[in-house]
Amino acid sequence: MTASKTDIANAQAQAHEWPLWEVFVRPKAGLDHKHCGSLHAADSKMALQLAREVYTRRQEGISVWVVRSDQIVASDPADKAMLFDPMEDKVYRHPTFYELPPEVGHM
């Protein structure tokens, strides 16, 4: 049975009403989650299921996070100077001022 054009249009309209979710996957060999895409889903359970099916089809991940896009707080690129440039004048944050004991080895 094939879907009619009306059914497809209704499904697309409904998908646009669902919230947008961001998907992060932790690869098998990785230590941190990587953003791999976005999807629309009705709730967190559905978002997690869709993320697993879409982004880990080849079993490349060991953990999946889904986060509603409207819940992410991000800096504004226009604030780059205020947020990141002041770090340059804090030289004490660089490890060049500290001597490591010989037993530490490579760091």
C-alpha atoms as a PDB file:
ATOM      1  CA  MET A   1       0.000   0.000   0.000  1.00  0.00           C
ATOM      2  CA  THR A   2       1.429   3.340  -0.994  1.00  0.00           C
ATOM      3  CA  ALA A   3       0.857   6.603   0.816  1.00  0.00           C
ATOM      4  CA  SER A   4      -1.162   9.249  -0.946  1.00  0.00           C
ATOM      5  CA  LYS A   5       0.181  12.743  -1.549  1.00  0.00           C
ATOM      6  CA  THR A   6      -2.197  13.976   1.158  1.00  0.00           C
ATOM      7  CA  ASP A   7      -0.808  11.471   3.686  1.00  0.00           C
ATOM      8  CA  ILE A   8       2.743  12.502   2.868  1.00  0.00           C
ATOM      9  CA  ALA A   9       1.870  16.206   3.131  1.00  0.00           C
ATOM     10  CA  ASN A  10       0.160  15.601   6.495  1.00  0.00           C
ATOM     11  CA  ALA A  11       3.173  13.686   7.806  1.00  0.00           C
ATOM     12  CA  GLN A  12       5.509  16.458   6.680  1.00  0.00           C
ATOM     13  CA  ALA A  13       3.321  19.119   8.281  1.00  0.00           C
ATOM     14  CA  GLN A  14       3.204  17.140  11.512  1.00  0.00           C
ATOM     15  CA  ALA A  15       6.990  16.705  11.481  1.00  0.00           C
ATOM     16  CA  HIS A  16       7.389  20.477  11.190  1.00  0.00           C
ATOM     17  CA  GLU A  17       5.233  20.908  14.293  1.00  0.00           C
ATOM     18  CA  TRP A  18       7.398  18.545  16.321  1.00  0.00           C
ATOM     19  CA  PRO A  19      10.321  20.140  18.156  1.00  0.00           C
ATOM     20  CA  LEU A  20      13.826  19.979  16.723  1.00  0.00           C
ATOM     21  CA  TRP A  21      16.321  17.772  18.584  1.00  0.00           C
ATOM     22  CA  GLU A  22      20.119  17.813  18.332  1.00  0.00           C
ATOM     23  CA  VAL A  23      21.819  14.411  18.291  1.00  0.00           C
ATOM     24  CA  PHE A  24      25.195  13.618  19.855  1.00  0.00           C
ATOM     25  CA  VAL A  25      26.856  10.203  19.495  1.00  0.00           C
ATOM     26  CA  ARG A  26      29.810   8.847  21.441  1.00  0.00           C
ATOM     27  CA  PRO A  27      31.864   6.678  19.077  1.00  0.00           C
ATOM     28  CA  LYS A  28      33.276   3.350  20.234  1.00  0.00           C
ATOM     29  CA  ALA A  29      36.835   4.654  20.295  1.00  0.00           C
ATOM     30  CA  GLY A  30      35.941   8.146  21.523  1.00  0.00           C
ATOM     31  CA  LEU A  31      35.765   9.716  24.934  1.00  0.00           C
ATOM     32  CA  ASP A  32      33.365  12.517  24.100  1.00  0.00           C
ATOM     33  CA  HIS A  33      30.068  12.817  22.282  1.00  0.00           C
ATOM     34  CA  LYS A  34      30.131  14.410  18.820  1.00  0.00           C
ATOM     35  CA  HIS A  35      27.273  16.357  17.293  1.00  0.00           C
ATOM     36  CA  CYS A  36      26.114  14.407  14.271  1.00  0.00           C
ATOM     37  CA  GLY A  37      22.853  16.026  13.237  1.00  0.00           C
ATOM     38  CA  SER A  38      19.299  17.076  14.006  1.00  0.00           C
ATOM     39  CA  LEU A  39      15.858  15.544  13.753  1.00  0.00           C
ATOM     40  CA  HIS A  40      12.218  16.302  14.528  1.00  0.00           C
ATOM     41  CA  ALA A  41      10.432  14.148  17.105  1.00  0.00           C
ATOM     42  CA  ALA A  42       7.351  14.391  19.289  1.00  0.00           C
ATOM     43  CA  ASP A  43       9.147  13.635  22.574  1.00  0.00           C
ATOM     44  CA  SER A  44      12.476  12.543  24.049  1.00  0.00           C
ATOM     45  CA  LYS A  45      11.725   8.829  23.787  1.00  0.00           C
ATOM     46  CA  MET A  46      10.898   9.146  20.099  1.00  0.00           C
ATOM     47  CA  ALA A  47      13.929  11.395  19.510  1.00  0.00           C
ATOM     48  CA  LEU A  48      16.241   8.836  21.102  1.00  0.00           C
ATOM     49  CA  GLN A  49      14.753   5.996  19.051  1.00  0.00           C
ATOM     50  CA  LEU A  50      14.973   7.967  15.794  1.00  0.00           C
ATOM     51  CA  ALA A  51      18.537   9.087  16.596  1.00  0.00           C
ATOM     52  CA  ARG A  52      19.587   5.507  17.218  1.00  0.00           C
ATOM     53  CA  GLU A  53      18.021   4.358  13.941  1.00  0.00           C
ATOM     54  CA  VAL A  54      19.341   7.237  11.834  1.00  0.00           C
ATOM     55  CA  TYR A  55      22.791   7.917  13.291  1.00  0.00           C
ATOM     56  CA  THR A  56      23.964   4.529  14.607  1.00  0.00           C
ATOM     57  CA  ARG A  57      22.744   2.131  11.913  1.00  0.00           C
ATOM     58  CA  ARG A  58      26.187   0.592  11.535  1.00  0.00           C
ATOM     59  CA  GLN A  59      26.755   0.233  15.287  1.00  0.00           C
ATOM     60  CA  GLU A  60      29.336   3.032  15.267  1.00  0.00           C
ATOM     61  CA  GLY A  61      28.271   4.447  18.624  1.00  0.00           C
ATOM     62  CA  ILE A  62      28.081   3.322  22.233  1.00  0.00           C
ATOM     63  CA  SER A  63      26.023   6.220  23.617  1.00  0.00           C
ATOM     64  CA  VAL A  64      23.472   8.635  22.176  1.00  0.00           C
ATOM     65  CA  TRP A  65      22.327  11.970  23.597  1.00  0.00           C
ATOM     66  CA  VAL A  66      19.336  13.937  22.306  1.00  0.00           C
ATOM     67  CA  VAL A  67      18.732  17.527  23.374  1.00  0.00           C
ATOM     68  CA  ARG A  68      15.876  19.789  22.369  1.00  0.00           C
ATOM     69  CA  SER A  69      17.349  22.563  20.283  1.00  0.00           C
ATOM     70  CA  ASP A  70      15.379  25.226  22.123  1.00  0.00           C
ATOM     71  CA  GLN A  71      16.991  24.117  25.397  1.00  0.00           C
ATOM     72  CA  ILE A  72      20.568  24.722  24.235  1.00  0.00           C
ATOM     73  CA  VAL A  73      22.155  27.932  25.452  1.00  0.00           C
ATOM     74  CA  ALA A  74      24.952  29.149  23.207  1.00  0.00           C
ATOM     75  CA  SER A  75      27.206  32.151  23.030  1.00  0.00           C
ATOM     76  CA  ASP A  76      26.681  34.712  20.300  1.00  0.00           C
ATOM     77  CA  PRO A  77      29.533  34.801  17.766  1.00  0.00           C
ATOM     78  CA  ALA A  78      29.412  38.596  18.048  1.00  0.00           C
ATOM     79  CA  ASP A  79      30.547  38.226  21.685  1.00  0.00           C
ATOM     80  CA  LYS A  80      33.726  36.389  20.706  1.00  0.00           C
ATOM     81  CA  ALA A  81      36.057  39.223  21.747  1.00  0.00           C
ATOM     82  CA  MET A  82      34.434  39.583  25.141  1.00  0.00           C
ATOM     83  CA  LEU A  83      34.347  35.854  25.864  1.00  0.00           C
ATOM     84  CA  PHE A  84      37.638  34.587  24.471  1.00  0.00           C
ATOM     85  CA  ASP A  85      40.140  37.399  23.913  1.00  0.00           C
ATOM     86  CA  PRO A  86      40.604  38.246  27.625  1.00  0.00           C
ATOM     87  CA  MET A  87      42.295  34.855  28.093  1.00  0.00           C
ATOM     88  CA  GLU A  88      45.415  36.121  26.325  1.00  0.00           C
ATOM     89  CA  ASP A  89      46.265  38.519  29.172  1.00  0.00           C
ATOM     90  CA  LYS A  90      46.115  35.758  31.800  1.00  0.00           C
ATOM     91  CA  VAL A  91      49.522  34.225  31.176  1.00  0.00           C
ATOM     92  CA  TYR A  92      49.442  32.466  34.534  1.00  0.00           C
ATOM     93  CA  ARG A  93      46.924  30.051  32.997  1.00  0.00           C
ATOM     94  CA  HIS A  94      49.594  28.694  30.674  1.00  0.00           C
ATOM     95  CA  PRO A  95      51.683  25.860  32.120  1.00  0.00           C
ATOM     96  CA  THR A  96      54.993  27.478  31.094  1.00  0.00           C
ATOM     97  CA  PHE A  97      55.460  28.931  34.583  1.00  0.00           C
ATOM     98  CA  TYR A  98      55.503  25.582  36.323  1.00  0.00           C
ATOM     99  CA  GLU A  99      58.342  23.123  36.512  1.00  0.00           C
ATOM    100  CA  LEU A 100      57.338  19.508  36.531  1.00  0.00           C
ATOM    101  CA  PRO A 101      59.136  17.068  38.802  1.00  0.00           C
ATOM    102  CA  PRO A 102      61.157  14.422  36.918  1.00  0.00           C
ATOM    103  CA  GLU A 103      58.907  11.594  38.156  1.00  0.00           C
ATOM    104  CA  VAL A 104      55.969  13.038  36.226  1.00  0.00           C
ATOM    105  CA  GLY A 105      57.591  12.184  32.903  1.00  0.00           C
ATOM    106  CA  HIS A 106      55.810  13.285  29.741  1.00  0.00           C
ATOM    107  CA  MET A 107      52.737  15.394  30.019  1.00  0.00           C
END
